[in-house]
Amino acid sequence: MSQKKVYEDAGFGVRVPRGSKPALVVIDFSYGFTDPRYPTASDADAQIVVTNSLIAVAREKSVPVIFSVIAFNTAEVDTLAWLRKAQGMKALVEGSHLVEIDARLHRLPDDAVVVKKGASAFFGTNLAAHLAGVGIDTTILTGATTSGCVRASAVDAVQSGFNVLVVADACADRAAPPHEAALYDIDQKYGDVIQSADVLSYLNGL
């Protein structure tokens, strides 16, 4: 039996609704994840260009654009359990260049920025409350890394009651296998993995 058939028979992979009140959430496109000079980063040049195209249409349609960054204070780097496993992340210290949102992104001063301590943009933050407060029903996710923070955010977004769309060509990772595996897993169980052209069509149709 094919892998696709196994998932279909189990009832996975059903398409999710495209709501009338989406928000664009740009996950961790800070220099620590976008500047290859840093070991925690990957080449996200193409994904940033795609994300900016989504941001432009989101602005036209009055769709909220929200950014997230990981930033630790010095007291946390030796105490958080996650950093015992992923020790390279200890460099993401508050006030450093690594936690600044990449200047190539078309961010406005009044865009919300969620500062997080874990993989998910929802865990331990007010993101879900913020989205619910403005009536959001659908989250459009881009960012880095696909297999880490994007996947974790997709899981928590759907568990928080939002429809989830993950933009495959706007997500970056350090290697192709985890990127592809994460997208497959998300698409089967947590949200729809789609291309930016589909998102632009969705947004333009609002």
Protein backbone atom coordinates (compact mmCIF):
# COMPACT_ATOMS: atom_id res chain seq x y z
CA MET A 1 0.00 0.00 0.00
CA SER A 2 1.36 3.43 -0.91
CA GLN A 3 2.20 6.01 1.72
CA LYS A 4 -0.40 8.35 0.25
CA LYS A 5 -3.07 5.63 0.48
CA VAL A 6 -2.16 4.90 4.11
CA TYR A 7 -2.77 8.54 5.04
CA GLU A 8 -5.92 8.82 2.96
CA ASP A 9 -7.39 5.68 4.55
CA ALA A 10 -6.64 7.13 7.99
CA GLY A 11 -8.58 10.29 7.12
CA PHE A 12 -5.59 12.64 6.97
CA GLY A 13 -4.82 15.29 4.40
CA VAL A 14 -8.29 16.86 4.18
CA ARG A 15 -8.16 20.45 2.92
CA VAL A 16 -8.84 23.19 5.48
CA PRO A 17 -11.14 26.21 4.99
CA ARG A 18 -9.80 29.55 3.83
CA GLY A 19 -11.39 31.98 6.26
CA SER A 20 -12.45 35.55 5.64
CA LYS A 21 -10.09 36.99 8.29
CA PRO A 22 -6.53 35.78 7.77
CA ALA A 23 -3.29 37.00 9.31
CA LEU A 24 0.22 36.62 7.93
CA VAL A 25 2.70 35.37 10.55
CA VAL A 26 6.38 35.67 9.62
CA ILE A 27 8.32 33.34 11.88
CA ASP A 28 11.90 34.01 12.97
CA PHE A 29 13.28 35.70 9.86
CA SER A 30 15.88 37.33 12.10
CA TYR A 31 19.56 37.45 11.21
CA GLY A 32 20.32 34.43 13.36
CA PHE A 33 18.23 32.42 10.88
CA THR A 34 18.76 34.34 7.63
CA ASP A 35 22.43 35.38 7.61
CA PRO A 36 24.61 32.39 6.64
CA ARG A 37 27.54 33.91 8.54
CA TYR A 38 25.89 32.49 11.66
CA PRO A 39 25.84 28.70 12.18
CA THR A 40 22.15 28.74 13.18
CA ALA A 41 21.15 30.32 9.86
CA SER A 42 20.28 29.08 6.39
CA ASP A 43 20.08 30.74 2.99
CA ALA A 44 16.65 32.40 3.05
CA ASP A 45 17.13 34.95 0.27
CA ALA A 46 14.45 33.54 -2.04
CA GLN A 47 12.02 32.94 0.82
CA ILE A 48 12.33 36.54 1.99
CA VAL A 49 11.51 37.78 -1.51
CA VAL A 50 8.41 35.58 -1.56
CA THR A 51 7.40 36.69 1.93
CA ASN A 52 7.66 40.34 0.88
CA SER A 53 5.31 39.66 -2.03
CA LEU A 54 2.79 38.27 0.47
CA ILE A 55 3.30 41.21 2.82
CA ALA A 56 2.57 43.66 -0.02
CA VAL A 57 -0.79 42.09 -0.82
CA ALA A 58 -1.60 41.67 2.88
CA ARG A 59 -1.16 45.42 3.30
CA GLU A 60 -3.51 46.11 0.38
CA LYS A 61 -6.16 43.85 1.91
CA SER A 62 -5.73 45.11 5.50
CA VAL A 63 -4.54 41.67 6.59
CA PRO A 64 -2.46 41.87 9.81
CA VAL A 65 1.24 41.10 9.44
CA ILE A 66 2.89 39.73 12.58
CA PHE A 67 6.54 38.86 13.11
CA SER A 68 8.16 36.58 15.66
CA VAL A 69 11.72 36.39 16.95
CA ILE A 70 13.54 34.16 19.44
CA ALA A 71 15.49 36.14 22.04
CA PHE A 72 16.91 34.93 25.33
CA ASN A 73 18.22 36.93 28.25
CA THR A 74 21.56 35.94 29.73
CA ALA A 75 19.94 34.28 32.74
CA GLU A 76 17.99 31.92 30.49
CA VAL A 77 20.69 30.53 28.24
CA ASP A 78 22.04 28.13 30.87
CA THR A 79 18.69 27.15 32.38
CA LEU A 80 16.24 26.44 29.55
CA ALA A 81 15.96 22.74 28.73
CA TRP A 82 15.64 23.41 24.99
CA LEU A 83 19.07 25.04 24.93
CA ARG A 84 20.67 21.97 26.46
CA LYS A 85 19.75 20.18 23.24
CA ALA A 86 20.13 23.02 20.75
CA GLN A 87 23.13 24.82 22.17
CA GLY A 88 23.77 26.88 19.06
CA MET A 89 20.61 28.81 19.90
CA LYS A 90 22.32 30.26 22.98
CA ALA A 91 23.73 32.95 20.68
CA LEU A 92 20.23 34.41 20.21
CA VAL A 93 20.61 36.87 23.07
CA GLU A 94 18.45 39.94 23.57
CA GLY A 95 20.02 43.06 22.06
CA SER A 96 22.28 41.16 19.67
CA HIS A 97 22.26 41.48 15.89
CA LEU A 98 21.11 37.87 15.58
CA VAL A 99 17.68 38.60 17.06
CA GLU A 100 16.97 41.62 14.86
CA ILE A 101 14.40 41.06 12.12
CA ASP A 102 16.13 40.99 8.73
CA ALA A 103 15.98 44.50 7.29
CA ARG A 104 15.11 43.13 3.85
CA LEU A 105 11.64 42.33 5.15
CA HIS A 106 9.04 45.03 4.57
CA ARG A 107 8.15 45.50 8.21
CA LEU A 108 6.34 48.60 9.44
CA PRO A 109 6.95 50.14 12.88
CA ASP A 110 3.45 49.29 14.08
CA ASP A 111 3.55 45.61 13.03
CA ALA A 112 3.25 43.32 16.04
CA VAL A 113 6.43 41.48 17.02
CA VAL A 114 6.14 38.38 19.21
CA VAL A 115 9.25 37.58 21.25
CA LYS A 116 9.40 33.90 22.11
CA LYS A 117 11.57 31.50 24.11
CA GLY A 118 10.60 28.26 22.36
CA ALA A 119 9.98 26.90 18.91
CA SER A 120 6.31 27.80 18.57
CA ALA A 121 5.26 31.42 18.06
CA PHE A 122 2.23 30.56 20.23
CA PHE A 123 3.84 28.84 23.22
CA GLY A 124 4.28 31.22 26.14
CA THR A 125 3.26 34.27 24.08
CA ASN A 126 0.10 36.31 23.57
CA LEU A 127 -0.14 35.52 19.86
CA ALA A 128 -3.31 33.43 20.06
CA ALA A 129 -5.04 36.07 22.18
CA HIS A 130 -3.90 38.81 19.82
CA LEU A 131 -5.25 36.96 16.78
CA ALA A 132 -8.52 36.09 18.49
CA GLY A 133 -8.92 39.67 19.62
CA VAL A 134 -8.99 40.96 16.05
CA GLY A 135 -11.21 38.12 14.82
CA ILE A 136 -8.62 36.12 12.88
CA ASP A 137 -9.76 32.70 11.65
CA THR A 138 -6.84 31.68 9.40
CA THR A 139 -3.07 31.88 9.90
CA ILE A 140 -0.70 32.07 6.94
CA LEU A 141 2.77 30.98 8.06
CA THR A 142 6.15 31.74 6.50
CA GLY A 143 9.63 31.76 8.00
CA ALA A 144 12.36 29.61 9.47
CA THR A 145 13.01 26.92 10.13
CA THR A 146 10.45 24.73 8.42
CA SER A 147 11.15 21.66 10.55
CA GLY A 148 11.48 23.62 13.77
CA CYS A 149 9.67 26.83 14.51
CA VAL A 150 7.33 26.78 11.49
CA ARG A 151 6.16 23.25 12.19
CA ALA A 152 5.77 23.91 15.92
CA SER A 153 3.79 27.08 15.18
CA ALA A 154 1.54 25.23 12.74
CA VAL A 155 0.74 22.60 15.38
CA ASP A 156 -0.03 25.21 18.02
CA ALA A 157 -2.01 27.38 15.60
CA VAL A 158 -4.45 24.59 14.76
CA GLN A 159 -4.62 23.58 18.43
CA SER A 160 -5.53 27.20 19.19
CA GLY A 161 -8.48 27.01 16.79
CA PHE A 162 -7.09 28.63 13.64
CA ASN A 163 -7.08 27.31 10.10
CA VAL A 164 -3.44 26.89 9.05
CA LEU A 165 -1.81 27.60 5.70
CA VAL A 166 1.95 27.11 5.37
CA VAL A 167 3.63 28.72 2.37
CA ALA A 168 6.14 26.15 1.12
CA ASP A 169 8.22 28.52 -1.02
CA ALA A 170 8.37 31.08 1.81
CA CYS A 171 9.83 28.67 4.40
CA ALA A 172 13.55 28.04 4.84
CA ASP A 173 15.51 25.29 6.55
CA ARG A 174 19.12 24.24 6.97
CA ALA A 175 18.73 21.06 4.93
CA ALA A 176 16.29 19.70 2.36
CA PRO A 177 15.26 16.40 4.05
CA PRO A 178 13.87 17.93 7.27
CA HIS A 179 12.27 20.73 5.25
CA GLU A 180 10.42 18.29 3.00
CA ALA A 181 9.51 15.92 5.84
CA ALA A 182 8.07 18.76 7.91
CA LEU A 183 6.00 20.09 5.04
CA TYR A 184 4.61 16.61 4.37
CA ASP A 185 3.73 16.10 8.02
CA ILE A 186 2.07 19.51 8.33
CA ASP A 187 0.07 18.96 5.15
CA GLN A 188 -1.28 15.65 6.38
CA LYS A 189 -2.21 16.59 9.94
CA TYR A 190 -2.15 20.29 10.80
CA GLY A 191 -2.74 22.59 7.84
CA ASP A 192 -2.50 23.02 4.10
CA VAL A 193 0.97 23.39 2.60
CA ILE A 194 0.57 25.54 -0.48
CA GLN A 195 2.59 27.76 -2.80
CA SER A 196 2.72 31.54 -2.63
CA ALA A 197 0.75 31.86 -5.88
CA ASP A 198 -2.18 30.15 -4.17
CA VAL A 199 -1.90 32.46 -1.17
CA LEU A 200 -1.80 35.55 -3.39
CA SER A 201 -4.94 34.34 -5.17
CA TYR A 202 -6.63 33.75 -1.81
CA LEU A 203 -5.68 37.18 -0.49
CA ASN A 204 -6.65 38.97 -3.69
CA GLY A 205 -10.06 37.30 -3.50
CA LEU A 206 -10.87 38.68 -0.06
